[in-house]
């Protein structure tokens, strides 16, 4: 008789532990929140600052490319920047290849 009672469905309808069906998802939700604030959000902020820096480039700014080339901006077209890297030597690089602008 005890086995039949133990196998009978509960009349309360709740799982043992009181959390219902949300219990297993709480750690996953917490991990996602931690990842968002430690990894995703700072990367989005960094990308936004880089985009703003590229939009605010001006003639005469000293920049460094992703390849490590240092130069001064001579001309800016839509997606192409012409850099003066030495006397009488200019190169064209993609605007997105500029890593950062040096401090003036």
C-alpha atoms as a PDB file:
ATOM      1  CA  UNK A   1       0.000   0.000   0.000  1.00  0.00           C
ATOM      2  CA  UNK A   2       2.884   2.407   0.682  1.00  0.00           C
ATOM      3  CA  UNK A   3       4.247   1.960  -2.854  1.00  0.00           C
ATOM      4  CA  UNK A   4       0.973   2.957  -4.431  1.00  0.00           C
ATOM      5  CA  UNK A   5       0.833   6.112  -2.313  1.00  0.00           C
ATOM      6  CA  UNK A   6       4.416   7.057  -3.180  1.00  0.00           C
ATOM      7  CA  UNK A   7       3.737   6.699  -6.918  1.00  0.00           C
ATOM      8  CA  UNK A   8       0.511   8.671  -6.861  1.00  0.00           C
ATOM      9  CA  UNK A   9       0.638  12.172  -8.434  1.00  0.00           C
ATOM     10  CA  UNK A  10       0.849  15.095  -6.064  1.00  0.00           C
ATOM     11  CA  UNK A  11      -2.292  17.121  -5.683  1.00  0.00           C
ATOM     12  CA  UNK A  12      -0.348  20.392  -5.192  1.00  0.00           C
ATOM     13  CA  UNK A  13       0.967  20.411  -8.788  1.00  0.00           C
ATOM     14  CA  UNK A  14       4.365  21.854  -7.804  1.00  0.00           C
ATOM     15  CA  UNK A  15       7.686  20.130  -8.179  1.00  0.00           C
ATOM     16  CA  UNK A  16       9.657  19.338  -5.040  1.00  0.00           C
ATOM     17  CA  UNK A  17      11.796  22.297  -4.091  1.00  0.00           C
ATOM     18  CA  UNK A  18       9.150  24.948  -4.613  1.00  0.00           C
ATOM     19  CA  UNK A  19      10.745  26.613  -7.711  1.00  0.00           C
ATOM     20  CA  UNK A  20       8.377  25.085 -10.248  1.00  0.00           C
ATOM     21  CA  UNK A  21       9.684  24.885 -13.825  1.00  0.00           C
ATOM     22  CA  UNK A  22      11.943  27.973 -13.557  1.00  0.00           C
ATOM     23  CA  UNK A  23      14.504  26.407 -11.209  1.00  0.00           C
ATOM     24  CA  UNK A  24      16.869  24.853 -13.760  1.00  0.00           C
ATOM     25  CA  UNK A  25      17.025  28.081 -15.812  1.00  0.00           C
ATOM     26  CA  UNK A  26      18.107  30.436 -13.003  1.00  0.00           C
ATOM     27  CA  UNK A  27      21.847  29.574 -13.248  1.00  0.00           C
ATOM     28  CA  UNK A  28      21.770  29.953 -17.037  1.00  0.00           C
ATOM     29  CA  UNK A  29      20.084  33.352 -16.747  1.00  0.00           C
ATOM     30  CA  UNK A  30      22.636  34.484 -14.153  1.00  0.00           C
ATOM     31  CA  UNK A  31      25.535  33.348 -16.362  1.00  0.00           C
ATOM     32  CA  UNK A  32      24.092  35.279 -19.317  1.00  0.00           C
ATOM     33  CA  UNK A  33      23.758  38.446 -17.193  1.00  0.00           C
ATOM     34  CA  UNK A  34      27.366  38.113 -16.012  1.00  0.00           C
ATOM     35  CA  UNK A  35      28.621  37.562 -19.580  1.00  0.00           C
ATOM     36  CA  UNK A  36      26.649  40.584 -20.779  1.00  0.00           C
ATOM     37  CA  UNK A  37      28.150  42.972 -18.239  1.00  0.00           C
ATOM     38  CA  UNK A  38      31.696  41.560 -18.342  1.00  0.00           C
ATOM     39  CA  UNK A  39      32.138  40.794 -22.061  1.00  0.00           C
ATOM     40  CA  UNK A  40      29.401  41.972 -24.408  1.00  0.00           C
ATOM     41  CA  UNK A  41      28.676  45.487 -23.108  1.00  0.00           C
ATOM     42  CA  UNK A  42      32.324  46.632 -22.811  1.00  0.00           C
ATOM     43  CA  UNK A  43      32.994  45.392 -26.354  1.00  0.00           C
ATOM     44  CA  UNK A  44      29.994  47.328 -27.690  1.00  0.00           C
ATOM     45  CA  UNK A  45      31.231  50.490 -25.949  1.00  0.00           C
ATOM     46  CA  UNK A  46      34.719  49.999 -27.422  1.00  0.00           C
ATOM     47  CA  UNK A  47      33.284  49.534 -30.934  1.00  0.00           C
ATOM     48  CA  UNK A  48      31.157  52.674 -30.562  1.00  0.00           C
ATOM     49  CA  UNK A  49      34.190  54.762 -29.516  1.00  0.00           C
ATOM     50  CA  UNK A  50      36.232  53.409 -32.451  1.00  0.00           C
ATOM     51  CA  UNK A  51      33.400  54.217 -34.901  1.00  0.00           C
ATOM     52  CA  UNK A  52      33.191  57.776 -33.518  1.00  0.00           C
ATOM     53  CA  UNK A  53      36.967  58.175 -33.783  1.00  0.00           C
ATOM     54  CA  UNK A  54      36.881  57.111 -37.445  1.00  0.00           C
ATOM     55  CA  UNK A  55      34.083  59.575 -38.194  1.00  0.00           C
ATOM     56  CA  UNK A  56      35.978  62.448 -36.531  1.00  0.00           C
ATOM     57  CA  UNK A  57      39.288  61.953 -38.357  1.00  0.00           C
ATOM     58  CA  UNK A  58      40.669  65.148 -39.861  1.00  0.00           C
ATOM     59  CA  UNK A  59      43.488  66.157 -42.147  1.00  0.00           C
ATOM     60  CA  UNK A  60      46.735  66.445 -40.174  1.00  0.00           C
ATOM     61  CA  UNK A  61      45.848  63.840 -37.519  1.00  0.00           C
ATOM     62  CA  UNK A  62      48.596  61.376 -36.688  1.00  0.00           C
ATOM     63  CA  UNK A  63      47.287  57.816 -36.722  1.00  0.00           C
ATOM     64  CA  UNK A  64      48.450  54.224 -36.391  1.00  0.00           C
ATOM     65  CA  UNK A  65      47.021  51.469 -38.575  1.00  0.00           C
ATOM     66  CA  UNK A  66      46.224  47.915 -37.520  1.00  0.00           C
ATOM     67  CA  UNK A  67      49.420  46.859 -39.293  1.00  0.00           C
ATOM     68  CA  UNK A  68      51.504  49.210 -37.155  1.00  0.00           C
ATOM     69  CA  UNK A  69      52.130  51.884 -39.794  1.00  0.00           C
ATOM     70  CA  UNK A  70      52.445  55.397 -38.336  1.00  0.00           C
ATOM     71  CA  UNK A  71      51.455  58.293 -40.535  1.00  0.00           C
ATOM     72  CA  UNK A  72      49.800  61.666 -40.896  1.00  0.00           C
ATOM     73  CA  UNK A  73      46.491  62.026 -42.719  1.00  0.00           C
ATOM     74  CA  UNK A  74      46.841  63.949 -45.990  1.00  0.00           C
ATOM     75  CA  UNK A  75      43.478  63.245 -47.634  1.00  0.00           C
ATOM     76  CA  UNK A  76      40.258  61.584 -46.559  1.00  0.00           C
ATOM     77  CA  UNK A  77      37.797  60.128 -49.032  1.00  0.00           C
ATOM     78  CA  UNK A  78      34.708  58.174 -48.112  1.00  0.00           C
ATOM     79  CA  UNK A  79      36.383  54.868 -47.162  1.00  0.00           C
ATOM     80  CA  UNK A  80      40.019  55.566 -48.074  1.00  0.00           C
ATOM     81  CA  UNK A  81      42.567  57.582 -46.137  1.00  0.00           C
ATOM     82  CA  UNK A  82      45.870  58.756 -47.615  1.00  0.00           C
ATOM     83  CA  UNK A  83      48.705  58.739 -45.082  1.00  0.00           C
ATOM     84  CA  UNK A  84      52.046  60.463 -45.329  1.00  0.00           C
ATOM     85  CA  UNK A  85      54.508  58.001 -43.836  1.00  0.00           C
ATOM     86  CA  UNK A  86      57.771  59.615 -44.959  1.00  0.00           C
ATOM     87  CA  UNK A  87      58.979  62.542 -47.028  1.00  0.00           C
ATOM     88  CA  UNK A  88      57.451  62.203 -50.528  1.00  0.00           C
ATOM     89  CA  UNK A  89      55.860  58.860 -49.602  1.00  0.00           C
ATOM     90  CA  UNK A  90      52.107  58.505 -49.263  1.00  0.00           C
ATOM     91  CA  UNK A  91      50.039  55.349 -48.938  1.00  0.00           C
ATOM     92  CA  UNK A  92      46.333  54.717 -49.124  1.00  0.00           C
ATOM     93  CA  UNK A  93      44.680  52.595 -46.468  1.00  0.00           C
ATOM     94  CA  UNK A  94      41.129  51.659 -45.754  1.00  0.00           C
ATOM     95  CA  UNK A  95      39.523  53.885 -43.138  1.00  0.00           C
ATOM     96  CA  UNK A  96      38.589  50.828 -41.094  1.00  0.00           C
ATOM     97  CA  UNK A  97      42.286  49.824 -40.908  1.00  0.00           C
ATOM     98  CA  UNK A  98      43.090  52.754 -38.638  1.00  0.00           C
ATOM     99  CA  UNK A  99      43.536  51.461 -35.107  1.00  0.00           C
ATOM    100  CA  UNK A 100      43.847  54.716 -33.197  1.00  0.00           C
ATOM    101  CA  UNK A 101      44.683  58.394 -33.370  1.00  0.00           C
ATOM    102  CA  UNK A 102      47.766  59.594 -31.539  1.00  0.00           C
ATOM    103  CA  UNK A 103      47.408  62.270 -28.895  1.00  0.00           C
ATOM    104  CA  UNK A 104      48.077  65.767 -30.177  1.00  0.00           C
END
